[in-house]
Amino acid sequence: MQRKKILLAGESWSSQTTHVKGFNSFSSSVYETGERWLKKALEESGYDVFFLPNHLVSEEFPFTMGELKKYDAIILSDVGSDTLLITQETFNNSHRQPNRCELIKEYVLEGASLLMVGGYLTFSGVDAKGRWGMTPIQDILPVEILQFDDRMEHPEGVKPKVIHQHDVLKGVPAEWPFFLGYNKTIPMDDAVVPVTICDDPLIALCQRGKGRCGIFSSDCAPHWGPPEFLSWAGYQPMWGGLMDWLTDV
């Protein structure tokens, strides 16, 4: 049986630090990624995952439906909408380019799948810089994205609550680990919300046209997702169950 293909966009960052030591100072920089836990879980669930880190998304995320349809599902995780909307050609040279948020919407309506995973630049995000609620992606999500900073920081740790059983939870233990935060959203009237966190959706699902969409409103990796989540017995079956349901169209 041919393995289904997933394009995972986002989940990378670069950091620059200035070290000040008395009279002297110097800078150091580091590039890091956070995809490996999710990628491993999905590969063990039978999927081929193609990872496109944030610094490549602007220029290498598909520009055409033909390119997009090489994949059965798209995952957007901790990547801002500007990264898809503003290419170098548009920003520097004022050249017109396809609206790839509109392209993803049509891709789903024609029978494919989208999963949005939480983080500082998905949904509304930090300082509302994710801006996904201002794009056509909002039209196909099972939740309404807030128009302001939607982060719910919980350093004390908060545990999800299973509202009702669903196919996406097959093999997932009843006891969930705690999370350190998530993006607050409002479920649409037709959304299926099997799991909540602080009474907000953690997992929400919907049918849109011939395709399906889902959200997981916390991190798939540190920092909102602590080690207890990454090593949790339910980590692999949950992501596998989510993708099985989303791509069963």
Protein backbone atom coordinates (compact mmCIF):
# COMPACT_ATOMS: atom_id res chain seq x y z
CA MET A 1 0.00 0.00 0.00
CA GLN A 2 1.37 3.40 -0.98
CA ARG A 3 2.19 5.64 1.95
CA LYS A 4 0.40 8.97 2.07
CA LYS A 5 2.48 12.14 1.85
CA ILE A 6 2.39 15.04 4.28
CA LEU A 7 3.99 18.46 3.89
CA LEU A 8 4.93 19.89 7.30
CA ALA A 9 5.66 23.64 7.11
CA GLY A 10 7.14 25.69 9.97
CA GLU A 11 8.69 24.37 13.22
CA SER A 12 12.08 26.08 12.94
CA TRP A 13 13.67 29.27 14.24
CA SER A 14 16.94 31.17 14.47
CA SER A 15 18.04 32.98 17.63
CA GLN A 16 20.73 35.60 18.09
CA THR A 17 22.09 36.44 21.53
CA THR A 18 24.28 39.39 22.55
CA HIS A 19 26.64 38.49 25.42
CA VAL A 20 27.82 41.50 27.41
CA LYS A 21 30.84 40.90 29.67
CA GLY A 22 32.00 44.14 31.20
CA PHE A 23 33.76 46.22 28.53
CA ASN A 24 33.35 43.55 25.85
CA SER A 25 30.39 42.05 24.07
CA PHE A 26 29.87 39.52 21.31
CA SER A 27 27.01 37.79 19.54
CA SER A 28 26.18 34.16 19.00
CA SER A 29 23.45 32.61 16.89
CA VAL A 30 21.76 29.24 16.70
CA TYR A 31 19.34 27.52 14.29
CA GLU A 32 16.94 24.99 15.77
CA THR A 33 14.01 22.88 14.64
CA GLY A 34 11.13 21.28 16.54
CA GLU A 35 9.68 18.88 14.01
CA ARG A 36 11.41 15.63 14.95
CA TRP A 37 8.88 14.32 17.48
CA LEU A 38 5.87 14.93 15.22
CA LYS A 39 7.69 13.69 12.12
CA LYS A 40 8.73 10.47 13.86
CA ALA A 41 5.20 9.86 15.19
CA LEU A 42 3.66 10.28 11.74
CA GLU A 43 6.30 8.17 10.00
CA GLU A 44 5.67 5.39 12.53
CA SER A 45 1.96 5.74 11.67
CA GLY A 46 2.66 5.02 8.02
CA TYR A 47 3.12 8.47 6.48
CA ASP A 48 5.94 10.05 4.52
CA VAL A 49 6.64 13.50 5.97
CA PHE A 50 8.39 16.24 4.01
CA PHE A 51 9.64 18.96 6.35
CA LEU A 52 9.85 22.55 5.08
CA PRO A 53 11.41 24.79 7.77
CA ASN A 54 10.30 28.40 8.20
CA HIS A 55 13.22 29.99 6.33
CA LEU A 56 12.36 27.98 3.20
CA VAL A 57 8.56 28.25 3.35
CA SER A 58 8.35 31.64 1.64
CA GLU A 59 10.13 30.53 -1.52
CA GLU A 60 9.60 26.74 -1.60
CA PHE A 61 6.02 26.13 -0.37
CA PRO A 62 3.97 25.10 -3.45
CA PHE A 63 2.69 27.93 -5.62
CA THR A 64 0.32 25.80 -7.75
CA MET A 65 -2.49 23.33 -7.13
CA GLY A 66 -0.56 20.71 -9.06
CA GLU A 67 2.41 21.03 -6.71
CA LEU A 68 0.15 21.07 -3.65
CA LYS A 69 -1.72 17.93 -4.73
CA LYS A 70 1.47 15.91 -4.55
CA TYR A 71 0.63 15.78 -0.84
CA ASP A 72 -2.38 14.22 0.87
CA ALA A 73 -2.25 16.69 3.75
CA ILE A 74 -0.63 19.95 4.83
CA ILE A 75 0.44 20.71 8.40
CA LEU A 76 1.03 24.33 9.40
CA SER A 77 2.88 24.44 12.71
CA ASP A 78 4.30 27.62 14.25
CA VAL A 79 4.57 29.50 10.96
CA GLY A 80 3.00 32.92 10.41
CA SER A 81 0.68 33.68 7.51
CA ASP A 82 3.02 36.45 6.32
CA THR A 83 5.61 33.80 5.51
CA LEU A 84 3.23 32.34 2.93
CA LEU A 85 1.77 35.64 1.75
CA ILE A 86 4.92 37.76 1.32
CA THR A 87 7.59 36.38 -1.00
CA GLN A 88 10.79 38.23 -1.85
CA GLU A 89 9.40 38.89 -5.35
CA THR A 90 6.33 40.57 -3.87
CA PHE A 91 8.09 42.41 -1.05
CA ASN A 92 11.15 43.64 -2.99
CA ASN A 93 9.92 43.87 -6.57
CA SER A 94 6.13 44.34 -6.22
CA HIS A 95 5.50 41.31 -8.43
CA ARG A 96 2.16 39.54 -8.16
CA GLN A 97 2.22 36.00 -6.79
CA PRO A 98 -0.48 33.39 -6.06
CA ASN A 99 -2.22 33.76 -2.69
CA ARG A 100 -1.16 30.47 -1.14
CA CYS A 101 -3.67 30.77 1.70
CA GLU A 102 -6.43 30.82 -0.93
CA LEU A 103 -4.67 27.93 -2.66
CA ILE A 104 -4.73 25.83 0.54
CA LYS A 105 -8.43 26.62 0.99
CA GLU A 106 -9.24 25.39 -2.54
CA TYR A 107 -6.96 22.37 -1.99
CA VAL A 108 -9.06 21.33 1.01
CA LEU A 109 -12.41 22.06 -0.63
CA GLU A 110 -11.36 19.81 -3.52
CA GLY A 111 -10.75 16.87 -1.19
CA ALA A 112 -7.44 17.23 0.68
CA SER A 113 -6.60 17.87 4.33
CA LEU A 114 -5.17 20.57 6.57
CA LEU A 115 -3.99 20.40 10.18
CA MET A 116 -3.02 23.57 12.05
CA VAL A 117 -0.85 23.01 15.14
CA GLY A 118 -0.48 25.65 17.85
CA GLY A 119 2.47 27.89 18.63
CA TYR A 120 3.59 31.49 18.84
CA LEU A 121 2.89 32.10 15.13
CA THR A 122 -0.09 29.89 14.36
CA PHE A 123 -3.72 30.92 14.88
CA SER A 124 -3.38 34.53 16.09
CA GLY A 125 -0.16 34.01 18.00
CA VAL A 126 2.14 36.31 19.90
CA ASP A 127 1.20 39.98 19.47
CA ALA A 128 -1.37 38.70 16.92
CA LYS A 129 1.48 38.29 14.39
CA GLY A 130 0.29 34.91 13.12
CA ARG A 131 -2.67 36.66 11.44
CA TRP A 132 -4.24 33.45 10.11
CA GLY A 133 -7.71 34.74 10.98
CA MET A 134 -7.25 37.45 8.37
CA THR A 135 -6.67 34.92 5.59
CA PRO A 136 -8.84 32.46 3.59
CA ILE A 137 -7.58 29.71 5.92
CA GLN A 138 -10.10 30.98 8.49
CA ASP A 139 -12.92 29.92 6.12
CA ILE A 140 -12.02 26.25 6.40
CA LEU A 141 -10.96 25.84 10.05
CA PRO A 142 -13.25 24.28 12.68
CA VAL A 143 -12.51 27.19 15.02
CA GLU A 144 -12.67 30.97 14.96
CA ILE A 145 -9.27 32.62 15.39
CA LEU A 146 -9.13 35.57 17.77
CA GLN A 147 -8.05 38.96 16.40
CA PHE A 148 -5.67 39.64 19.29
CA ASP A 149 -2.83 37.80 21.01
CA ASP A 150 -4.44 34.43 21.71
CA ARG A 151 -1.74 32.81 23.84
CA MET A 152 -2.87 31.18 27.05
CA GLU A 153 0.28 30.76 29.12
CA HIS A 154 -0.01 28.24 31.94
CA PRO A 155 3.34 27.77 33.68
CA GLU A 156 1.51 25.79 36.37
CA GLY A 157 0.51 23.18 33.79
CA VAL A 158 -3.03 22.37 32.64
CA LYS A 159 -4.45 19.03 31.59
CA PRO A 160 -6.75 18.37 28.61
CA LYS A 161 -10.20 16.89 29.08
CA VAL A 162 -11.71 14.28 26.77
CA ILE A 163 -15.28 15.39 26.02
CA HIS A 164 -16.24 12.38 23.95
CA GLN A 165 -14.52 9.50 22.24
CA HIS A 166 -13.65 9.85 18.57
CA ASP A 167 -11.72 7.84 16.00
CA VAL A 168 -8.75 10.23 16.36
CA LEU A 169 -8.34 9.01 19.96
CA LYS A 170 -8.01 5.29 19.23
CA GLY A 171 -5.14 3.91 21.31
CA VAL A 172 -4.77 7.14 23.28
CA PRO A 173 -4.58 6.62 27.08
CA ALA A 174 -7.31 8.13 29.22
CA GLU A 175 -4.76 10.04 31.31
CA TRP A 176 -3.25 13.02 29.47
CA PRO A 177 -0.07 14.90 30.41
CA PHE A 178 -0.12 18.59 31.29
CA PHE A 179 0.61 21.41 28.86
CA LEU A 180 2.21 24.78 29.54
CA GLY A 181 0.03 26.76 27.17
CA TYR A 182 -2.04 26.84 24.01
CA ASN A 183 -3.77 29.16 21.52
CA LYS A 184 -7.30 30.10 22.57
CA THR A 185 -9.93 29.67 19.83
CA ILE A 186 -13.73 29.54 19.58
CA PRO A 187 -15.31 26.40 18.07
CA MET A 188 -17.52 26.82 15.00
CA ASP A 189 -21.11 25.58 15.29
CA ASP A 190 -20.39 22.53 13.13
CA ALA A 191 -17.03 21.67 14.74
CA VAL A 192 -16.43 18.35 16.44
CA VAL A 193 -14.40 18.97 19.61
CA PRO A 194 -13.36 15.68 21.21
CA VAL A 195 -10.75 17.22 23.55
CA THR A 196 -10.67 20.56 25.36
CA ILE A 197 -8.14 22.36 27.52
CA CYS A 198 -9.43 24.90 30.05
CA ASP A 199 -12.81 24.54 28.24
CA ASP A 200 -11.25 25.71 24.94
CA PRO A 201 -10.69 23.40 21.96
CA LEU A 202 -7.47 21.39 22.05
CA ILE A 203 -8.53 19.15 19.19
CA ALA A 204 -11.26 20.28 16.80
CA LEU A 205 -12.33 18.78 13.49
CA CYS A 206 -14.61 19.60 10.57
CA GLN A 207 -15.57 18.66 7.04
CA ARG A 208 -15.06 21.41 4.46
CA GLY A 209 -16.22 20.74 0.91
CA LYS A 210 -14.75 17.37 -0.08
CA GLY A 211 -11.88 17.69 2.41
CA ARG A 212 -11.25 17.79 6.13
CA CYS A 213 -9.58 20.20 8.53
CA GLY A 214 -8.36 19.87 12.07
CA ILE A 215 -6.56 21.81 14.75
CA PHE A 216 -4.38 20.94 17.71
CA SER A 217 -4.13 24.17 19.68
CA SER A 218 -0.95 23.48 21.68
CA ASP A 219 2.62 22.65 20.67
CA CYS A 220 3.75 19.40 19.09
CA ALA A 221 7.15 20.10 20.70
CA PRO A 222 8.72 22.21 23.48
CA HIS A 223 7.95 24.68 24.98
CA TRP A 224 4.18 24.32 25.53
CA GLY A 225 4.60 20.59 25.02
CA PRO A 226 6.73 19.38 27.96
CA PRO A 227 8.87 16.21 28.00
CA GLU A 228 5.97 14.35 29.63
CA PHE A 229 3.92 15.00 26.47
CA LEU A 230 6.70 14.12 24.04
CA SER A 231 7.31 10.77 25.79
CA TRP A 232 3.60 10.10 26.48
CA ALA A 233 2.26 6.74 25.31
CA GLY A 234 -0.53 8.60 23.51
CA TYR A 235 1.75 10.88 21.47
CA GLN A 236 2.17 8.63 18.43
CA PRO A 237 -1.39 7.19 18.32
CA MET A 238 -2.90 10.67 18.73
CA TRP A 239 -1.00 12.21 15.79
CA GLY A 240 -1.51 9.07 13.73
CA GLY A 241 -5.22 9.04 14.55
CA LEU A 242 -5.57 12.68 13.63
CA MET A 243 -3.91 12.17 10.27
CA ASP A 244 -5.84 8.94 9.58
CA TRP A 245 -9.14 10.76 10.08
CA LEU A 246 -8.11 13.86 8.17
CA THR A 247 -6.92 11.94 5.11
CA ASP A 248 -9.82 9.47 5.05
CA VAL A 249 -11.66 11.46 2.39
